[in-house]
Amino acid sequence: MSAAPAAMLLLIDAGNTRIKWALADAGAAPGAWLASGARPHAMPELLTADWQAALAGRAVSQVLLSNVAGPALGQVLQTLLAALPAPDVVCFASLPQLAGLRNGYRDPYQLGCDRFAAAIGGRWLVPDQPIVIATCGTATTIDAVSADGCFVGGMILPGLGLMAGALARNTAQLPHITPAAQLPHGFADNTADAILSGCLAAQAGAIERACAAHGATSCLLSGGAAPAVATALSQPYRMVDNIVLLGLHVAATSPS
């Protein structure tokens, strides 16, 4: 008698700029993905081929979707997922408590589902310690989790690219600087580097201030701009790829 096929999880993080995904065996440890990838919002239809190649004919037992990009993209993703073999699509949402994490937001249901998932992932990686999770993407979110597993709250500020872009758009004759530029440190001797140095200092300063205020023993960084922001940090940190997907994996396999 052949063994029953393993239950497959498809985890999706639809953020402000990109749609990230991972395929996992339901019985595997969180973060042990069989395949993963990302596509920009402008090309969601390419995800169908990505998923079909990753599945290789296997059926998905559950799809867990975190979407902060709005209902229009959510509907597009639901349509694409309907073409997969028998998916059970669950839209991930923030709750008062899940996967060992208590939600201390004033209204727990208003916490962004991506931030809630990232906090679950951070708590799983670093249990029983006060932690700060900084996700550096289109926006930078900096969230605190207590040692006893409570999401305390957080900060939201424009991401590195938005900061630099706002200066370029709203200040006369300043050049447009992208996070991919060479990274300066400290006091720059030209305007382009001064913009990027200031933006990096603002990002790093907010993260360091949050860690000091929370007494965090661990700082977790994630997101596309995290490697750039990390160069400006003066304190220890741990880089975590796709912490939202990690949190979704923990939530999907948690008993409560």
Protein backbone atom coordinates (compact mmCIF):
# COMPACT_ATOMS: atom_id res chain seq x y z
CA MET A 1 0.00 0.00 0.00
CA SER A 2 1.43 3.40 -0.95
CA ALA A 3 1.67 6.12 1.67
CA ALA A 4 -0.84 8.95 1.59
CA PRO A 5 0.53 12.14 0.03
CA ALA A 6 1.75 14.75 2.49
CA ALA A 7 -0.58 17.65 3.23
CA MET A 8 0.74 20.75 1.50
CA LEU A 9 0.49 24.34 2.73
CA LEU A 10 0.69 27.33 0.40
CA LEU A 11 1.58 30.47 2.37
CA ILE A 12 1.10 33.88 0.73
CA ASP A 13 2.14 37.34 1.91
CA ALA A 14 0.61 40.05 -0.30
CA GLY A 15 2.45 43.16 0.87
CA ASN A 16 2.47 46.74 -0.35
CA THR A 17 4.80 46.06 -3.29
CA ARG A 18 5.29 42.32 -3.83
CA ILE A 19 3.46 39.04 -3.41
CA LYS A 20 5.68 36.54 -1.62
CA TRP A 21 4.86 32.86 -1.21
CA ALA A 22 6.18 29.59 0.16
CA LEU A 23 5.16 25.96 -0.19
CA ALA A 24 5.60 23.69 2.81
CA ASP A 25 4.83 20.21 4.02
CA ALA A 26 2.27 20.62 6.80
CA GLY A 27 4.36 18.40 9.05
CA ALA A 28 7.64 20.24 8.48
CA ALA A 29 9.26 22.68 10.88
CA PRO A 30 8.29 26.33 10.27
CA GLY A 31 10.54 27.87 7.64
CA ALA A 32 11.45 24.52 6.07
CA TRP A 33 9.93 25.35 2.70
CA LEU A 34 9.90 23.15 -0.36
CA ALA A 35 9.79 26.18 -2.66
CA SER A 36 9.31 29.93 -2.42
CA GLY A 37 9.23 33.01 -4.61
CA ALA A 38 7.90 36.51 -5.16
CA ARG A 39 6.25 38.56 -7.88
CA PRO A 40 5.47 42.28 -8.13
CA HIS A 41 1.84 43.42 -7.95
CA ALA A 42 1.93 44.27 -11.67
CA MET A 43 2.39 40.61 -12.68
CA PRO A 44 0.23 38.45 -10.38
CA GLU A 45 -0.75 36.14 -13.25
CA LEU A 46 2.82 34.77 -13.27
CA LEU A 47 2.13 33.22 -9.89
CA THR A 48 -0.01 30.50 -11.44
CA ALA A 49 2.95 29.00 -13.31
CA ASP A 50 5.16 29.40 -10.23
CA TRP A 51 2.71 27.51 -8.03
CA GLN A 52 2.00 24.78 -10.57
CA ALA A 53 5.73 24.13 -11.03
CA ALA A 54 6.28 24.03 -7.26
CA LEU A 55 3.37 21.67 -6.67
CA ALA A 56 4.34 19.28 -9.48
CA GLY A 57 0.85 17.77 -9.52
CA ARG A 58 0.41 17.61 -5.74
CA ALA A 59 -2.76 19.02 -4.19
CA VAL A 60 -2.76 21.89 -1.71
CA SER A 61 -4.54 21.09 1.55
CA GLN A 62 -4.68 24.72 2.69
CA VAL A 63 -3.80 28.18 1.45
CA LEU A 64 -3.11 30.79 4.13
CA LEU A 65 -3.25 34.30 2.67
CA SER A 66 -2.08 37.47 4.41
CA ASN A 67 -3.15 40.46 2.33
CA VAL A 68 -2.53 44.11 3.19
CA ALA A 69 -2.60 45.26 -0.45
CA GLY A 70 -6.36 45.78 -0.65
CA PRO A 71 -9.47 43.90 -1.79
CA ALA A 72 -8.82 44.25 -5.54
CA LEU A 73 -5.56 42.30 -5.37
CA GLY A 74 -7.17 39.91 -2.92
CA GLN A 75 -9.84 39.07 -5.48
CA VAL A 76 -7.20 38.54 -8.18
CA LEU A 77 -5.36 36.12 -5.90
CA GLN A 78 -8.56 34.26 -5.05
CA THR A 79 -9.22 33.79 -8.77
CA LEU A 80 -5.68 32.51 -9.40
CA LEU A 81 -5.87 30.14 -6.45
CA ALA A 82 -9.13 28.65 -7.72
CA ALA A 83 -7.15 27.08 -10.57
CA LEU A 84 -5.02 25.02 -8.16
CA PRO A 85 -5.97 21.47 -7.13
CA ALA A 86 -8.63 21.75 -4.40
CA PRO A 87 -7.28 24.62 -2.30
CA ASP A 88 -8.93 25.60 0.96
CA VAL A 89 -8.19 29.36 1.09
CA VAL A 90 -8.04 30.95 4.53
CA CYS A 91 -7.61 34.72 4.75
CA PHE A 92 -5.30 35.30 7.70
CA ALA A 93 -6.49 37.96 10.15
CA SER A 94 -5.34 39.36 13.47
CA LEU A 95 -7.01 37.82 16.52
CA PRO A 96 -6.88 38.47 20.27
CA GLN A 97 -4.68 35.37 20.66
CA LEU A 98 -3.08 32.87 18.32
CA ALA A 99 -0.10 30.50 18.28
CA GLY A 100 1.06 31.45 21.77
CA LEU A 101 0.90 35.22 21.11
CA ARG A 102 -1.54 37.56 22.87
CA ASN A 103 -2.56 40.64 20.93
CA GLY A 104 -2.28 43.77 23.08
CA TYR A 105 -3.51 46.19 20.40
CA ARG A 106 -6.33 48.48 21.59
CA ASP A 107 -8.55 46.80 18.99
CA PRO A 108 -6.84 43.47 18.23
CA TYR A 109 -8.71 43.10 14.94
CA GLN A 110 -7.28 46.38 13.59
CA LEU A 111 -3.66 45.25 13.81
CA GLY A 112 -2.28 44.65 10.32
CA CYS A 113 -2.36 40.93 9.63
CA ASP A 114 1.21 41.04 8.30
CA ARG A 115 2.46 42.60 11.55
CA PHE A 116 0.57 39.98 13.58
CA ALA A 117 2.08 37.18 11.50
CA ALA A 118 5.58 38.68 11.81
CA ALA A 119 5.17 38.87 15.59
CA ILE A 120 4.10 35.21 15.69
CA GLY A 121 7.17 34.31 13.65
CA GLY A 122 9.44 36.39 15.87
CA ARG A 123 8.00 34.88 19.04
CA TRP A 124 8.58 31.38 17.63
CA LEU A 125 12.20 32.20 16.73
CA VAL A 126 13.01 33.87 20.06
CA PRO A 127 10.67 32.56 22.78
CA ASP A 128 10.50 33.92 26.30
CA GLN A 129 12.49 37.09 25.58
CA PRO A 130 11.52 40.70 24.90
CA ILE A 131 12.02 41.23 21.18
CA VAL A 132 11.67 43.97 18.58
CA ILE A 133 10.72 43.02 15.02
CA ALA A 134 11.56 45.59 12.33
CA THR A 135 10.17 44.90 8.87
CA CYS A 136 11.77 47.29 6.39
CA GLY A 137 9.70 47.44 3.23
CA THR A 138 7.59 50.11 1.55
CA ALA A 139 6.83 51.14 5.12
CA THR A 140 9.00 50.29 8.10
CA THR A 141 7.10 48.69 10.96
CA ILE A 142 8.79 48.26 14.34
CA ASP A 143 6.88 46.06 16.78
CA ALA A 144 7.52 44.89 20.33
CA VAL A 145 6.72 41.48 21.83
CA SER A 146 7.14 40.89 25.56
CA ALA A 147 8.94 37.96 27.13
CA ASP A 148 5.62 36.44 28.21
CA GLY A 149 4.24 36.52 24.67
CA CYS A 150 2.24 39.74 24.37
CA PHE A 151 2.25 41.92 21.28
CA VAL A 152 2.77 45.25 23.05
CA GLY A 153 2.42 47.62 20.09
CA GLY A 154 4.62 49.29 17.56
CA MET A 155 5.72 52.14 15.33
CA ILE A 156 5.14 52.76 11.63
CA LEU A 157 7.27 55.11 9.54
CA PRO A 158 7.94 55.60 5.83
CA GLY A 159 10.32 53.03 4.43
CA LEU A 160 13.80 53.86 3.21
CA GLY A 161 12.69 54.28 -0.41
CA LEU A 162 9.69 56.43 0.53
CA MET A 163 11.84 58.72 2.68
CA ALA A 164 14.37 59.30 -0.08
CA GLY A 165 11.64 59.66 -2.70
CA ALA A 166 9.73 62.23 -0.65
CA LEU A 167 12.82 64.44 -0.46
CA ALA A 168 13.36 64.13 -4.21
CA ARG A 169 9.73 65.04 -4.99
CA ASN A 170 9.18 67.82 -2.49
CA THR A 171 12.50 69.62 -2.16
CA ALA A 172 13.82 71.73 -5.04
CA GLN A 173 16.80 70.39 -6.99
CA LEU A 174 17.55 67.42 -4.77
CA PRO A 175 18.38 64.24 -6.71
CA HIS A 176 16.29 61.08 -6.49
CA ILE A 177 18.15 58.51 -4.40
CA THR A 178 17.29 54.81 -4.37
CA PRO A 179 18.13 52.32 -1.60
CA ALA A 180 20.27 50.46 -4.16
CA ALA A 181 22.77 53.34 -4.22
CA GLN A 182 26.14 52.99 -2.51
CA LEU A 183 25.54 53.36 1.20
CA PRO A 184 27.25 56.27 2.93
CA HIS A 185 27.97 56.51 6.65
CA GLY A 186 27.82 59.51 8.96
CA PHE A 187 28.29 63.03 7.62
CA ALA A 188 28.29 62.93 3.82
CA ASP A 189 30.33 65.32 1.66
CA ASN A 190 27.75 65.53 -1.17
CA THR A 191 23.99 66.04 -1.38
CA ALA A 192 23.07 62.63 -2.77
CA ASP A 193 24.93 60.78 -0.03
CA ALA A 194 23.62 63.20 2.61
CA ILE A 195 20.02 62.29 1.69
CA LEU A 196 20.65 58.57 1.95
CA SER A 197 22.75 58.91 5.10
CA GLY A 198 19.96 60.89 6.77
CA CYS A 199 17.30 58.39 5.75
CA LEU A 200 19.40 55.46 6.98
CA ALA A 201 20.04 57.25 10.28
CA ALA A 202 16.31 57.86 10.73
CA GLN A 203 15.47 54.20 10.11
CA ALA A 204 18.24 52.87 12.36
CA GLY A 205 17.55 55.45 15.04
CA ALA A 206 13.88 54.46 15.27
CA ILE A 207 14.79 50.79 15.58
CA GLU A 208 17.44 51.45 18.23
CA ARG A 209 15.08 53.73 20.16
CA ALA A 210 12.41 51.02 20.13
CA CYS A 211 14.88 48.39 21.37
CA ALA A 212 16.02 50.66 24.20
CA ALA A 213 12.46 51.55 25.23
CA HIS A 214 11.38 47.90 25.25
CA GLY A 215 14.55 46.51 26.82
CA ALA A 216 14.74 44.08 23.91
CA THR A 217 17.38 41.40 24.10
CA SER A 218 16.83 40.49 20.43
CA CYS A 219 16.23 42.63 17.34
CA LEU A 220 14.91 40.86 14.26
CA LEU A 221 15.15 42.51 10.83
CA SER A 222 13.21 41.53 7.73
CA GLY A 223 12.07 43.09 4.47
CA GLY A 224 13.66 44.20 1.23
CA ALA A 225 15.41 47.25 2.69
CA ALA A 226 16.62 45.43 5.81
CA PRO A 227 20.19 44.80 4.53
CA ALA A 228 20.63 48.52 3.81
CA VAL A 229 19.17 49.62 7.15
CA ALA A 230 21.30 47.06 8.97
CA THR A 231 24.48 48.85 7.86
CA ALA A 232 23.48 51.85 10.00
CA LEU A 233 22.60 49.91 13.16
CA SER A 234 25.00 50.10 16.09
CA GLN A 235 23.43 47.19 17.99
CA PRO A 236 23.25 43.44 17.38
CA TYR A 237 20.47 42.16 15.13
CA ARG A 238 19.36 38.99 13.40
CA MET A 239 18.31 39.01 9.76
CA VAL A 240 15.20 36.90 9.05
CA ASP A 241 14.01 36.39 5.48
CA ASN A 242 10.25 36.50 4.97
CA ILE A 243 9.26 36.68 8.63
CA VAL A 244 5.58 37.10 7.67
CA LEU A 245 5.63 33.77 5.81
CA LEU A 246 7.37 32.19 8.79
CA GLY A 247 4.62 33.46 11.07
CA LEU A 248 1.94 32.13 8.73
CA HIS A 249 3.64 28.72 8.82
CA VAL A 250 3.71 28.77 12.63
CA ALA A 251 0.04 29.83 12.75
CA ALA A 252 -1.02 27.15 10.27
CA THR A 253 0.57 24.36 12.30
CA SER A 254 -0.17 25.66 15.81
CA PRO A 255 -2.79 23.83 17.87
CA SER A 256 -4.24 27.10 19.14
